[in-house]
Amino acid sequence: MSQKSAYLHYVSAGSTGNTAPIPVDEVICFRADDACTKVVTGSGELRIHTPLSELQPMLDPRMFRQAQRSTVVNLSRVESMTWTDHDHLVIKFKELDKTITVCQPYCTQFQEQ
C-alpha cells in the first residue's frame, strides 16, 4: 500500500441529519468548533463529529497544514500567502473572500513548501 493511500480521501459531513461524502481535496479548511469540526468547502460549511486533533493525523501532511490551533488548511486551495509588516503570514483562499492569519508557531510549516 502506498503512503498516499494511507491518508483520508473522503469525510462524511453534513448538517441536520443529512450527510454526504466530501472528497478531502475539495475541502478548503477544517476548523474546530465546540464538539465537532467544521468542513469548509467552496459551497459552504458542513460538520463532522471527529475532533480536529483526531482528524489531522489522517490528512496528508503534504496537502494539509495547521495554520492555527483550531484550523488546518488545504494548500491546494490557497491563492496566496503574504507576509505583513508585522511578520504575520496571511493566507487568502481561492474560493473564499476571507483570509486567515497564521499563528506564529505554525509559520515555519508554510515556509517549508
N, C-alpha and C. Protein backbone atom coordinates (compact mmCIF):
# COMPACT_ATOMS: atom_id res chain seq x y z
N MET A 1 0.85 -1.18 0.00
CA MET A 1 0.00 0.00 0.00
C MET A 1 0.89 1.24 0.00
N SER A 2 0.64 2.16 -0.88
CA SER A 2 1.44 3.38 -0.93
C SER A 2 1.09 4.30 0.23
N GLN A 3 2.00 5.22 0.55
CA GLN A 3 1.76 6.15 1.64
C GLN A 3 0.57 7.05 1.35
N LYS A 4 0.39 7.46 0.10
CA LYS A 4 -0.71 8.35 -0.25
C LYS A 4 -2.06 7.69 0.06
N SER A 5 -2.20 6.40 -0.22
CA SER A 5 -3.47 5.73 0.02
C SER A 5 -3.76 5.54 1.50
N ALA A 6 -2.76 5.72 2.36
CA ALA A 6 -2.97 5.57 3.80
C ALA A 6 -3.71 6.77 4.39
N TYR A 7 -3.78 7.86 3.66
CA TYR A 7 -4.45 9.06 4.16
C TYR A 7 -5.91 9.08 3.74
N LEU A 8 -6.67 9.87 4.46
CA LEU A 8 -8.10 10.01 4.24
C LEU A 8 -8.38 10.62 2.86
N HIS A 9 -9.36 10.05 2.15
CA HIS A 9 -9.75 10.57 0.84
C HIS A 9 -11.10 11.28 0.88
N TYR A 10 -11.97 10.87 1.80
CA TYR A 10 -13.30 11.46 1.94
C TYR A 10 -13.62 11.66 3.41
N VAL A 11 -14.46 12.65 3.69
CA VAL A 11 -15.06 12.79 5.02
C VAL A 11 -16.57 12.75 4.83
N SER A 12 -17.25 12.15 5.75
CA SER A 12 -18.71 12.11 5.70
C SER A 12 -19.21 13.29 6.53
N ALA A 13 -19.65 14.32 5.85
CA ALA A 13 -20.02 15.57 6.51
C ALA A 13 -21.45 15.95 6.16
N GLY A 14 -22.06 16.75 7.02
CA GLY A 14 -23.41 17.20 6.74
C GLY A 14 -23.95 18.14 7.79
N SER A 15 -25.25 18.33 7.72
CA SER A 15 -25.96 19.16 8.69
C SER A 15 -27.38 18.65 8.80
N THR A 16 -27.99 18.87 9.94
CA THR A 16 -29.38 18.48 10.23
C THR A 16 -29.73 17.06 9.79
N GLY A 17 -28.86 16.11 10.13
CA GLY A 17 -29.16 14.71 9.88
C GLY A 17 -28.81 14.18 8.50
N ASN A 18 -28.48 15.02 7.55
CA ASN A 18 -28.09 14.59 6.22
C ASN A 18 -26.57 14.64 6.08
N THR A 19 -25.98 13.55 5.60
CA THR A 19 -24.54 13.55 5.38
C THR A 19 -24.24 13.11 3.95
N ALA A 20 -23.07 13.49 3.49
CA ALA A 20 -22.60 13.12 2.16
C ALA A 20 -21.09 12.98 2.19
N PRO A 21 -20.54 12.12 1.34
CA PRO A 21 -19.08 12.02 1.28
C PRO A 21 -18.50 13.24 0.56
N ILE A 22 -17.55 13.89 1.20
CA ILE A 22 -16.88 15.06 0.63
C ILE A 22 -15.42 14.69 0.38
N PRO A 23 -14.95 14.76 -0.86
CA PRO A 23 -13.53 14.48 -1.12
C PRO A 23 -12.66 15.51 -0.38
N VAL A 24 -11.62 15.04 0.29
CA VAL A 24 -10.79 15.98 1.06
C VAL A 24 -10.09 16.99 0.17
N ASP A 25 -9.88 16.66 -1.10
CA ASP A 25 -9.24 17.65 -1.97
C ASP A 25 -10.17 18.81 -2.32
N GLU A 26 -11.48 18.70 -2.01
CA GLU A 26 -12.42 19.80 -2.20
C GLU A 26 -12.57 20.66 -0.95
N VAL A 27 -11.97 20.23 0.14
CA VAL A 27 -12.05 20.96 1.41
C VAL A 27 -11.06 22.13 1.39
N ILE A 28 -11.54 23.30 1.74
CA ILE A 28 -10.67 24.49 1.84
C ILE A 28 -9.92 24.45 3.15
N CYS A 29 -10.67 24.19 4.23
CA CYS A 29 -10.04 24.06 5.54
C CYS A 29 -10.96 23.32 6.49
N PHE A 30 -10.38 22.84 7.56
CA PHE A 30 -11.11 22.24 8.67
C PHE A 30 -10.93 23.18 9.86
N ARG A 31 -12.04 23.42 10.59
CA ARG A 31 -11.97 24.29 11.77
C ARG A 31 -12.63 23.62 12.96
N ALA A 32 -11.93 23.59 14.07
CA ALA A 32 -12.50 23.06 15.31
C ALA A 32 -13.62 23.98 15.77
N ASP A 33 -14.73 23.37 16.20
CA ASP A 33 -15.89 24.15 16.63
C ASP A 33 -16.63 23.36 17.70
N ASP A 34 -16.48 23.75 18.95
CA ASP A 34 -17.12 23.06 20.08
C ASP A 34 -16.82 21.56 20.03
N ALA A 35 -17.85 20.73 19.94
CA ALA A 35 -17.67 19.28 19.98
C ALA A 35 -17.50 18.66 18.60
N CYS A 36 -17.44 19.48 17.56
CA CYS A 36 -17.30 18.93 16.22
C CYS A 36 -16.28 19.74 15.43
N THR A 37 -16.13 19.39 14.17
CA THR A 37 -15.21 20.09 13.28
C THR A 37 -15.99 20.59 12.07
N LYS A 38 -15.80 21.86 11.71
CA LYS A 38 -16.42 22.41 10.51
C LYS A 38 -15.56 22.02 9.31
N VAL A 39 -16.24 21.60 8.26
CA VAL A 39 -15.60 21.29 6.98
C VAL A 39 -15.99 22.43 6.05
N VAL A 40 -15.03 23.26 5.68
CA VAL A 40 -15.31 24.43 4.84
C VAL A 40 -14.97 24.08 3.39
N THR A 41 -15.98 24.21 2.52
CA THR A 41 -15.80 23.96 1.09
C THR A 41 -16.23 25.22 0.33
N GLY A 42 -16.05 25.22 -0.96
CA GLY A 42 -16.46 26.35 -1.78
C GLY A 42 -17.96 26.58 -1.77
N SER A 43 -18.72 25.55 -1.42
CA SER A 43 -20.18 25.68 -1.40
C SER A 43 -20.77 25.82 0.00
N GLY A 44 -19.94 25.92 1.02
CA GLY A 44 -20.47 26.15 2.36
C GLY A 44 -19.72 25.39 3.44
N GLU A 45 -20.33 25.40 4.62
CA GLU A 45 -19.75 24.72 5.78
C GLU A 45 -20.63 23.55 6.20
N LEU A 46 -19.99 22.43 6.46
CA LEU A 46 -20.66 21.24 6.97
C LEU A 46 -19.95 20.84 8.25
N ARG A 47 -20.49 19.85 8.93
CA ARG A 47 -19.89 19.43 10.20
C ARG A 47 -19.61 17.93 10.20
N ILE A 48 -18.55 17.58 10.92
CA ILE A 48 -18.26 16.19 11.22
C ILE A 48 -18.07 16.09 12.73
N HIS A 49 -18.27 14.90 13.25
CA HIS A 49 -18.15 14.73 14.70
C HIS A 49 -16.77 14.29 15.16
N THR A 50 -15.83 14.19 14.23
CA THR A 50 -14.46 13.84 14.56
C THR A 50 -13.72 15.10 15.00
N PRO A 51 -13.13 15.10 16.20
CA PRO A 51 -12.36 16.27 16.63
C PRO A 51 -11.18 16.53 15.69
N LEU A 52 -10.82 17.78 15.53
CA LEU A 52 -9.71 18.15 14.65
C LEU A 52 -8.42 17.44 15.05
N SER A 53 -8.20 17.28 16.34
CA SER A 53 -6.98 16.62 16.80
C SER A 53 -6.90 15.16 16.36
N GLU A 54 -8.05 14.50 16.16
CA GLU A 54 -8.06 13.13 15.66
C GLU A 54 -8.04 13.09 14.14
N LEU A 55 -8.60 14.10 13.51
CA LEU A 55 -8.68 14.16 12.05
C LEU A 55 -7.32 14.47 11.42
N GLN A 56 -6.58 15.37 12.00
CA GLN A 56 -5.34 15.84 11.39
C GLN A 56 -4.34 14.74 11.06
N PRO A 57 -4.10 13.76 11.92
CA PRO A 57 -3.15 12.70 11.55
C PRO A 57 -3.61 11.85 10.36
N MET A 58 -4.91 11.89 10.03
CA MET A 58 -5.44 11.13 8.91
C MET A 58 -5.31 11.89 7.58
N LEU A 59 -4.90 13.16 7.64
CA LEU A 59 -4.78 14.00 6.45
C LEU A 59 -3.34 13.99 5.93
N ASP A 60 -3.19 14.03 4.63
CA ASP A 60 -1.87 14.03 4.02
C ASP A 60 -1.13 15.32 4.38
N PRO A 61 -0.02 15.25 5.09
CA PRO A 61 0.69 16.47 5.51
C PRO A 61 1.31 17.25 4.35
N ARG A 62 1.42 16.63 3.18
CA ARG A 62 1.89 17.37 2.01
C ARG A 62 0.79 18.28 1.47
N MET A 63 -0.46 17.98 1.81
CA MET A 63 -1.60 18.72 1.30
C MET A 63 -2.23 19.63 2.36
N PHE A 64 -2.18 19.22 3.62
CA PHE A 64 -2.83 19.97 4.70
C PHE A 64 -1.81 20.44 5.73
N ARG A 65 -1.94 21.71 6.12
CA ARG A 65 -1.04 22.29 7.13
C ARG A 65 -1.86 23.01 8.19
N GLN A 66 -1.37 22.93 9.41
CA GLN A 66 -2.04 23.63 10.51
C GLN A 66 -1.64 25.10 10.47
N ALA A 67 -2.66 25.97 10.48
CA ALA A 67 -2.42 27.42 10.42
C ALA A 67 -2.69 28.09 11.76
N GLN A 68 -3.58 27.51 12.52
CA GLN A 68 -3.93 27.99 13.85
C GLN A 68 -4.22 26.76 14.70
N ARG A 69 -4.33 26.95 15.99
CA ARG A 69 -4.62 25.82 16.87
C ARG A 69 -5.91 25.12 16.43
N SER A 70 -6.85 25.88 15.90
CA SER A 70 -8.16 25.33 15.54
C SER A 70 -8.40 25.25 14.03
N THR A 71 -7.37 25.45 13.20
CA THR A 71 -7.58 25.48 11.75
C THR A 71 -6.47 24.75 11.00
N VAL A 72 -6.89 23.86 10.10
CA VAL A 72 -5.98 23.16 9.20
C VAL A 72 -6.41 23.51 7.78
N VAL A 73 -5.48 23.97 6.96
CA VAL A 73 -5.80 24.44 5.61
C VAL A 73 -5.30 23.48 4.53
N ASN A 74 -6.01 23.46 3.41
CA ASN A 74 -5.64 22.68 2.24
C ASN A 74 -4.78 23.58 1.35
N LEU A 75 -3.52 23.23 1.19
CA LEU A 75 -2.60 24.07 0.41
C LEU A 75 -3.04 24.24 -1.04
N SER A 76 -3.73 23.26 -1.60
CA SER A 76 -4.16 23.38 -2.99
C SER A 76 -5.30 24.39 -3.16
N ARG A 77 -5.89 24.83 -2.06
CA ARG A 77 -6.98 25.81 -2.11
C ARG A 77 -6.51 27.21 -1.73
N VAL A 78 -5.20 27.37 -1.54
CA VAL A 78 -4.63 28.66 -1.18
C VAL A 78 -4.31 29.44 -2.45
N GLU A 79 -4.81 30.67 -2.52
CA GLU A 79 -4.49 31.54 -3.66
C GLU A 79 -3.17 32.24 -3.46
N SER A 80 -2.97 32.77 -2.24
CA SER A 80 -1.72 33.47 -1.96
C SER A 80 -1.41 33.45 -0.47
N MET A 81 -0.12 33.64 -0.17
CA MET A 81 0.34 33.77 1.21
C MET A 81 1.22 35.02 1.24
N THR A 82 0.87 35.96 2.11
CA THR A 82 1.55 37.24 2.14
C THR A 82 2.06 37.54 3.55
N TRP A 83 3.32 37.96 3.62
CA TRP A 83 3.87 38.40 4.89
C TRP A 83 3.52 39.86 5.11
N THR A 84 3.04 40.19 6.31
CA THR A 84 2.71 41.57 6.64
C THR A 84 3.95 42.26 7.19
N ASP A 85 3.82 43.57 7.43
CA ASP A 85 4.92 44.34 8.02
C ASP A 85 5.24 43.89 9.44
N HIS A 86 4.31 43.19 10.07
CA HIS A 86 4.50 42.75 11.45
C HIS A 86 4.88 41.27 11.52
N ASP A 87 5.43 40.74 10.43
CA ASP A 87 5.87 39.35 10.36
C ASP A 87 4.76 38.34 10.62
N HIS A 88 3.57 38.65 10.16
CA HIS A 88 2.47 37.71 10.20
C HIS A 88 2.23 37.20 8.79
N LEU A 89 1.89 35.93 8.67
CA LEU A 89 1.58 35.34 7.38
C LEU A 89 0.06 35.30 7.21
N VAL A 90 -0.43 35.88 6.12
CA VAL A 90 -1.86 35.94 5.84
C VAL A 90 -2.15 35.06 4.63
N ILE A 91 -3.11 34.15 4.78
CA ILE A 91 -3.50 33.25 3.71
C ILE A 91 -4.80 33.71 3.09
N LYS A 92 -4.82 33.80 1.76
CA LYS A 92 -6.03 34.10 1.01
C LYS A 92 -6.39 32.84 0.23
N PHE A 93 -7.66 32.45 0.32
CA PHE A 93 -8.12 31.24 -0.35
C PHE A 93 -8.71 31.55 -1.73
N LYS A 94 -8.64 30.59 -2.62
CA LYS A 94 -9.17 30.76 -3.98
C LYS A 94 -10.68 30.96 -3.99
N GLU A 95 -11.41 30.20 -3.19
CA GLU A 95 -12.87 30.22 -3.25
C GLU A 95 -13.56 31.02 -2.16
N LEU A 96 -12.79 31.62 -1.26
CA LEU A 96 -13.40 32.37 -0.15
C LEU A 96 -12.94 33.82 -0.20
N ASP A 97 -13.81 34.71 0.25
CA ASP A 97 -13.43 36.12 0.35
C ASP A 97 -12.70 36.41 1.66
N LYS A 98 -12.57 35.40 2.50
CA LYS A 98 -11.92 35.57 3.80
C LYS A 98 -10.42 35.27 3.70
N THR A 99 -9.71 35.83 4.66
CA THR A 99 -8.30 35.46 4.84
C THR A 99 -8.14 34.97 6.27
N ILE A 100 -7.07 34.26 6.52
CA ILE A 100 -6.74 33.91 7.90
C ILE A 100 -5.27 34.24 8.13
N THR A 101 -4.97 34.59 9.36
CA THR A 101 -3.60 34.87 9.75
C THR A 101 -3.04 33.63 10.43
N VAL A 102 -1.90 33.18 9.95
CA VAL A 102 -1.26 32.00 10.52
C VAL A 102 -0.63 32.39 11.85
N CYS A 103 -0.88 31.59 12.88
CA CYS A 103 -0.27 31.84 14.18
C CYS A 103 1.23 31.59 14.09
N GLN A 104 1.99 32.38 14.80
CA GLN A 104 3.45 32.36 14.74
C GLN A 104 4.06 30.97 14.85
N PRO A 105 3.61 30.11 15.78
CA PRO A 105 4.25 28.79 15.88
C PRO A 105 4.10 27.92 14.63
N TYR A 106 3.13 28.21 13.79
CA TYR A 106 2.86 27.40 12.61
C TYR A 106 3.44 27.98 11.32
N CYS A 107 3.99 29.17 11.36
CA CYS A 107 4.51 29.82 10.15
C CYS A 107 5.59 29.03 9.46
N THR A 108 6.43 28.37 10.19
CA THR A 108 7.54 27.62 9.57
C THR A 108 7.03 26.50 8.68
N GLN A 109 5.87 25.93 8.97
CA GLN A 109 5.31 24.88 8.12
C GLN A 109 5.03 25.39 6.72
N PHE A 110 4.70 26.66 6.60
CA PHE A 110 4.36 27.23 5.31
C PHE A 110 5.61 27.72 4.56
N GLN A 111 6.69 27.93 5.27
CA GLN A 111 7.94 28.33 4.64
C GLN A 111 8.64 27.11 4.03
N GLU A 112 8.30 25.92 4.49
CA GLU A 112 8.97 24.70 4.06
C GLU A 112 8.43 24.12 2.77
N GLN A 113 7.49 24.79 2.11
CA GLN A 113 6.86 24.24 0.91
C GLN A 113 7.86 24.00 -0.19
